[in-house]
Amino acid sequence: SFVAYQKRERGSRFIWLFRTYFLTHIFFFWSAFGVSLDTLVEVLPLH
């Protein structure tokens, strides 16, 4: 029916929005984590 289609469309849009939000935050978190790891490796006498 039309209402079911509307519900599915809204749900898929919400899932797409959540997935985009999640992926961008994971990317930003890992890039910041990598930068902090680089600084840690540079600061600590590991070489």
PDB file of N, CA and C in Angstrom:
ATOM      1  N   SER A   1       0.839  -1.199   0.000  1.00  0.00           N
ATOM      2  CA  SER A   1       0.000   0.000   0.000  1.00  0.00           C
ATOM      3  C   SER A   1       0.879   1.255   0.000  1.00  0.00           C
ATOM      4  N   PHE A   2       0.247   2.388  -0.092  1.00  0.00           N
ATOM      5  CA  PHE A   2       1.006   3.647  -0.148  1.00  0.00           C
ATOM      6  C   PHE A   2       1.647   3.980   1.202  1.00  0.00           C
ATOM      7  N   VAL A   3       0.912   3.680   2.289  1.00  0.00           N
ATOM      8  CA  VAL A   3       1.443   3.993   3.623  1.00  0.00           C
ATOM      9  C   VAL A   3       2.668   3.125   3.918  1.00  0.00           C
ATOM     10  N   ALA A   4       2.588   1.858   3.516  1.00  0.00           N
ATOM     11  CA  ALA A   4       3.725   0.974   3.736  1.00  0.00           C
ATOM     12  C   ALA A   4       4.931   1.444   2.927  1.00  0.00           C
ATOM     13  N   TYR A   5       4.671   1.917   1.717  1.00  0.00           N
ATOM     14  CA  TYR A   5       5.773   2.430   0.898  1.00  0.00           C
ATOM     15  C   TYR A   5       6.394   3.663   1.551  1.00  0.00           C
ATOM     16  N   GLN A   6       5.548   4.540   2.078  1.00  0.00           N
ATOM     17  CA  GLN A   6       6.045   5.731   2.761  1.00  0.00           C
ATOM     18  C   GLN A   6       6.889   5.343   3.977  1.00  0.00           C
ATOM     19  N   LYS A   7       6.420   4.369   4.734  1.00  0.00           N
ATOM     20  CA  LYS A   7       7.177   3.919   5.911  1.00  0.00           C
ATOM     21  C   LYS A   7       8.520   3.334   5.498  1.00  0.00           C
ATOM     22  N   ARG A   8       8.513   2.514   4.444  1.00  0.00           N
ATOM     23  CA  ARG A   8       9.762   1.890   4.010  1.00  0.00           C
ATOM     24  C   ARG A   8      10.731   2.948   3.476  1.00  0.00           C
ATOM     25  N   GLU A   9      10.185   3.928   2.768  1.00  0.00           N
ATOM     26  CA  GLU A   9      11.043   4.987   2.242  1.00  0.00           C
ATOM     27  C   GLU A   9      11.681   5.773   3.382  1.00  0.00           C
ATOM     28  N   ARG A  10      10.894   6.129   4.377  1.00  0.00           N
ATOM     29  CA  ARG A  10      11.431   6.863   5.520  1.00  0.00           C
ATOM     30  C   ARG A  10      12.453   6.012   6.268  1.00  0.00           C
ATOM     31  N   GLY A  11      12.174   4.730   6.407  1.00  0.00           N
ATOM     32  CA  GLY A  11      13.110   3.862   7.104  1.00  0.00           C
ATOM     33  C   GLY A  11      14.425   3.737   6.359  1.00  0.00           C
ATOM     34  N   SER A  12      14.348   3.592   5.036  1.00  0.00           N
ATOM     35  CA  SER A  12      15.584   3.468   4.270  1.00  0.00           C
ATOM     36  C   SER A  12      16.366   4.774   4.303  1.00  0.00           C
ATOM     37  N   ARG A  13      15.659   5.891   4.292  1.00  0.00           N
ATOM     38  CA  ARG A  13      16.359   7.180   4.374  1.00  0.00           C
ATOM     39  C   ARG A  13      17.030   7.316   5.726  1.00  0.00           C
ATOM     40  N   PHE A  14      16.363   6.891   6.789  1.00  0.00           N
ATOM     41  CA  PHE A  14      16.953   6.962   8.121  1.00  0.00           C
ATOM     42  C   PHE A  14      18.177   6.053   8.210  1.00  0.00           C
ATOM     43  N   ILE A  15      18.073   4.856   7.632  1.00  0.00           N
ATOM     44  CA  ILE A  15      19.198   3.923   7.654  1.00  0.00           C
ATOM     45  C   ILE A  15      20.376   4.504   6.873  1.00  0.00           C
ATOM     46  N   TRP A  16      20.069   5.144   5.724  1.00  0.00           N
ATOM     47  CA  TRP A  16      21.139   5.737   4.923  1.00  0.00           C
ATOM     48  C   TRP A  16      21.797   6.876   5.685  1.00  0.00           C
ATOM     49  N   LEU A  17      20.982   7.709   6.345  1.00  0.00           N
ATOM     50  CA  LEU A  17      21.517   8.824   7.121  1.00  0.00           C
ATOM     51  C   LEU A  17      22.377   8.305   8.269  1.00  0.00           C
ATOM     52  N   PHE A  18      21.882   7.288   8.967  1.00  0.00           N
ATOM     53  CA  PHE A  18      22.628   6.733  10.088  1.00  0.00           C
ATOM     54  C   PHE A  18      23.941   6.109   9.616  1.00  0.00           C
ATOM     55  N   ARG A  19      23.877   5.428   8.457  1.00  0.00           N
ATOM     56  CA  ARG A  19      25.083   4.780   7.942  1.00  0.00           C
ATOM     57  C   ARG A  19      26.125   5.822   7.551  1.00  0.00           C
ATOM     58  N   THR A  20      25.674   6.908   6.906  1.00  0.00           N
ATOM     59  CA  THR A  20      26.599   7.970   6.524  1.00  0.00           C
ATOM     60  C   THR A  20      27.215   8.616   7.762  1.00  0.00           C
ATOM     61  N   TYR A  21      26.361   8.908   8.754  1.00  0.00           N
ATOM     62  CA  TYR A  21      26.818   9.505  10.000  1.00  0.00           C
ATOM     63  C   TYR A  21      27.837   8.597  10.692  1.00  0.00           C
ATOM     64  N   PHE A  22      27.511   7.299  10.749  1.00  0.00           N
ATOM     65  CA  PHE A  22      28.382   6.338  11.418  1.00  0.00           C
ATOM     66  C   PHE A  22      29.728   6.233  10.705  1.00  0.00           C
ATOM     67  N   LEU A  23      29.681   6.141   9.364  1.00  0.00           N
ATOM     68  CA  LEU A  23      30.923   5.980   8.612  1.00  0.00           C
ATOM     69  C   LEU A  23      31.809   7.213   8.725  1.00  0.00           C
ATOM     70  N   THR A  24      31.207   8.401   8.662  1.00  0.00           N
ATOM     71  CA  THR A  24      32.022   9.609   8.762  1.00  0.00           C
ATOM     72  C   THR A  24      32.631   9.733  10.154  1.00  0.00           C
ATOM     73  N   HIS A  25      31.868   9.359  11.188  1.00  0.00           N
ATOM     74  CA  HIS A  25      32.415   9.462  12.538  1.00  0.00           C
ATOM     75  C   HIS A  25      33.500   8.422  12.777  1.00  0.00           C
ATOM     76  N   ILE A  26      33.329   7.219  12.229  1.00  0.00           N
ATOM     77  CA  ILE A  26      34.390   6.215  12.337  1.00  0.00           C
ATOM     78  C   ILE A  26      35.650   6.715  11.638  1.00  0.00           C
ATOM     79  N   PHE A  27      35.463   7.327  10.455  1.00  0.00           N
ATOM     80  CA  PHE A  27      36.613   7.824   9.701  1.00  0.00           C
ATOM     81  C   PHE A  27      37.338   8.922  10.472  1.00  0.00           C
ATOM     82  N   PHE A  28      36.555   9.868  11.014  1.00  0.00           N
ATOM     83  CA  PHE A  28      37.180  10.963  11.757  1.00  0.00           C
ATOM     84  C   PHE A  28      37.850  10.439  13.027  1.00  0.00           C
ATOM     85  N   PHE A  29      37.191   9.483  13.687  1.00  0.00           N
ATOM     86  CA  PHE A  29      37.774   8.934  14.911  1.00  0.00           C
ATOM     87  C   PHE A  29      39.092   8.220  14.612  1.00  0.00           C
ATOM     88  N   TRP A  30      39.104   7.433  13.529  1.00  0.00           N
ATOM     89  CA  TRP A  30      40.326   6.679  13.227  1.00  0.00           C
ATOM     90  C   TRP A  30      41.435   7.579  12.729  1.00  0.00           C
ATOM     91  N   SER A  31      41.077   8.655  11.996  1.00  0.00           N
ATOM     92  CA  SER A  31      42.124   9.576  11.554  1.00  0.00           C
ATOM     93  C   SER A  31      42.721  10.296  12.764  1.00  0.00           C
ATOM     94  N   ALA A  32      41.883  10.733  13.704  1.00  0.00           N
ATOM     95  CA  ALA A  32      42.388  11.376  14.911  1.00  0.00           C
ATOM     96  C   ALA A  32      43.192  10.383  15.739  1.00  0.00           C
ATOM     97  N   PHE A  33      42.728   9.119  15.783  1.00  0.00           N
ATOM     98  CA  PHE A  33      43.448   8.089  16.530  1.00  0.00           C
ATOM     99  C   PHE A  33      44.810   7.817  15.898  1.00  0.00           C
ATOM    100  N   GLY A  34      44.855   7.812  14.561  1.00  0.00           N
ATOM    101  CA  GLY A  34      46.122   7.600  13.867  1.00  0.00           C
ATOM    102  C   GLY A  34      47.093   8.739  14.126  1.00  0.00           C
ATOM    103  N   VAL A  35      46.570   9.968  14.155  1.00  0.00           N
ATOM    104  CA  VAL A  35      47.424  11.125  14.429  1.00  0.00           C
ATOM    105  C   VAL A  35      47.976  11.033  15.844  1.00  0.00           C
ATOM    106  N   SER A  36      47.119  10.662  16.794  1.00  0.00           N
ATOM    107  CA  SER A  36      47.591  10.545  18.173  1.00  0.00           C
ATOM    108  C   SER A  36      48.601   9.396  18.297  1.00  0.00           C
ATOM    109  N   LEU A  37      48.390   8.312  17.539  1.00  0.00           N
ATOM    110  CA  LEU A  37      49.353   7.206  17.555  1.00  0.00           C
ATOM    111  C   LEU A  37      50.693   7.658  16.989  1.00  0.00           C
ATOM    112  N   ASP A  38      50.641   8.454  15.902  1.00  0.00           N
ATOM    113  CA  ASP A  38      51.893   8.950  15.330  1.00  0.00           C
ATOM    114  C   ASP A  38      52.653   9.814  16.326  1.00  0.00           C
ATOM    115  N   THR A  39      51.938  10.679  17.032  1.00  0.00           N
ATOM    116  CA  THR A  39      52.597  11.541  18.013  1.00  0.00           C
ATOM    117  C   THR A  39      53.145  10.700  19.161  1.00  0.00           C
ATOM    118  N   LEU A  40      52.417   9.672  19.561  1.00  0.00           N
ATOM    119  CA  LEU A  40      52.904   8.800  20.624  1.00  0.00           C
ATOM    120  C   LEU A  40      54.173   8.090  20.190  1.00  0.00           C
ATOM    121  N   VAL A  41      54.180   7.587  18.961  1.00  0.00           N
ATOM    122  CA  VAL A  41      55.372   6.886  18.457  1.00  0.00           C
ATOM    123  C   VAL A  41      56.547   7.845  18.362  1.00  0.00           C
ATOM    124  N   GLU A  42      56.262   9.103  17.992  1.00  0.00           N
ATOM    125  CA  GLU A  42      57.353  10.071  17.903  1.00  0.00           C
ATOM    126  C   GLU A  42      57.861  10.462  19.287  1.00  0.00           C
ATOM    127  N   VAL A  43      56.949  10.557  20.252  1.00  0.00           N
ATOM    128  CA  VAL A  43      57.358  10.983  21.594  1.00  0.00           C
ATOM    129  C   VAL A  43      58.081   9.849  22.324  1.00  0.00           C
ATOM    130  N   LEU A  44      57.519   8.650  22.270  1.00  0.00           N
ATOM    131  CA  LEU A  44      58.128   7.547  22.990  1.00  0.00           C
ATOM    132  C   LEU A  44      59.377   7.043  22.257  1.00  0.00           C
ATOM    133  N   PRO A  45      60.394   6.664  22.992  1.00  0.00           N
ATOM    134  CA  PRO A  45      61.627   6.166  22.364  1.00  0.00           C
ATOM    135  C   PRO A  45      61.466   4.714  21.915  1.00  0.00           C
ATOM    136  N   LEU A  46      60.627   4.518  20.884  1.00  0.00           N
ATOM    137  CA  LEU A  46      60.387   3.162  20.400  1.00  0.00           C
ATOM    138  C   LEU A  46      61.319   2.801  19.254  1.00  0.00           C
ATOM    139  N   HIS A  47      61.853   3.809  18.566  1.00  0.00           N
ATOM    140  CA  HIS A  47      62.699   3.506  17.410  1.00  0.00           C
ATOM    141  C   HIS A  47      64.019   2.921  17.898  1.00  0.00           C
TER     142      HIS A  47
END
